[in-house]
Amino acid sequence: MLLWALGQIEIGVGTLAGTNEGIDGPVAQSIHSLKQWIKQTQPHILGDETP
């Protein structure tokens, strides 16, 4: 929706899935490290799942 609103850009589902798979590996360790840091240093921070 955002890309469409910015310039009527269409991206296929396959492109999005491929991009997500390509990004998953390189950022997985950083995300894991960030989660561990939050648990150790910020124990009272919780995710807000309010839509």
Protein backbone atom coordinates (compact mmCIF):
# COMPACT_ATOMS: atom_id res chain seq x y z
CA MET A 1 0.00 0.00 0.00
CA LEU A 2 2.77 2.45 0.88
CA LEU A 3 4.62 1.96 -2.40
CA TRP A 4 1.38 2.30 -4.30
CA ALA A 5 0.59 5.54 -2.47
CA LEU A 6 4.08 6.91 -3.16
CA GLY A 7 4.08 6.29 -6.87
CA GLN A 8 1.76 3.48 -7.87
CA ILE A 9 4.61 0.99 -7.61
CA GLU A 10 3.57 -2.64 -7.82
CA ILE A 11 5.73 -5.42 -6.38
CA GLY A 12 4.89 -9.08 -6.80
CA VAL A 13 4.49 -11.45 -3.89
CA GLY A 14 7.36 -13.58 -5.20
CA THR A 15 9.67 -10.56 -5.20
CA LEU A 16 8.75 -9.75 -1.60
CA ALA A 17 9.23 -13.36 -0.50
CA GLY A 18 12.62 -13.56 -2.24
CA THR A 19 13.76 -10.28 -0.71
CA ASN A 20 12.70 -11.42 2.76
CA GLU A 21 14.59 -14.69 2.35
CA GLY A 22 17.69 -12.85 1.17
CA ILE A 23 17.64 -10.47 4.12
CA ASP A 24 16.84 -13.11 6.75
CA GLY A 25 20.30 -14.64 7.04
CA PRO A 26 22.41 -11.47 7.20
CA VAL A 27 20.26 -9.75 9.82
CA ALA A 28 19.32 -12.78 11.95
CA GLN A 29 22.39 -12.54 14.21
CA SER A 30 21.90 -8.80 14.74
CA ILE A 31 18.26 -9.32 15.67
CA HIS A 32 19.20 -12.11 18.08
CA SER A 33 21.86 -9.90 19.69
CA LEU A 34 19.40 -7.03 20.04
CA LYS A 35 16.81 -9.29 21.67
CA GLN A 36 19.39 -10.55 24.17
CA TRP A 37 20.51 -7.00 24.97
CA ILE A 38 16.92 -5.92 25.59
CA LYS A 39 16.28 -8.89 27.90
CA GLN A 40 19.45 -8.21 29.89
CA THR A 41 19.34 -4.42 30.13
CA GLN A 42 15.69 -3.47 29.74
CA PRO A 43 13.63 -6.14 31.54
CA HIS A 44 10.52 -3.97 31.82
CA ILE A 45 10.16 -3.18 28.12
CA LEU A 46 7.36 -5.15 26.50
CA GLY A 47 6.11 -5.20 22.93
CA ASP A 48 2.87 -3.38 22.26
CA GLU A 49 0.66 -5.49 20.00
CA THR A 50 -2.11 -2.92 19.79
CA PRO A 51 -3.28 -2.73 16.17
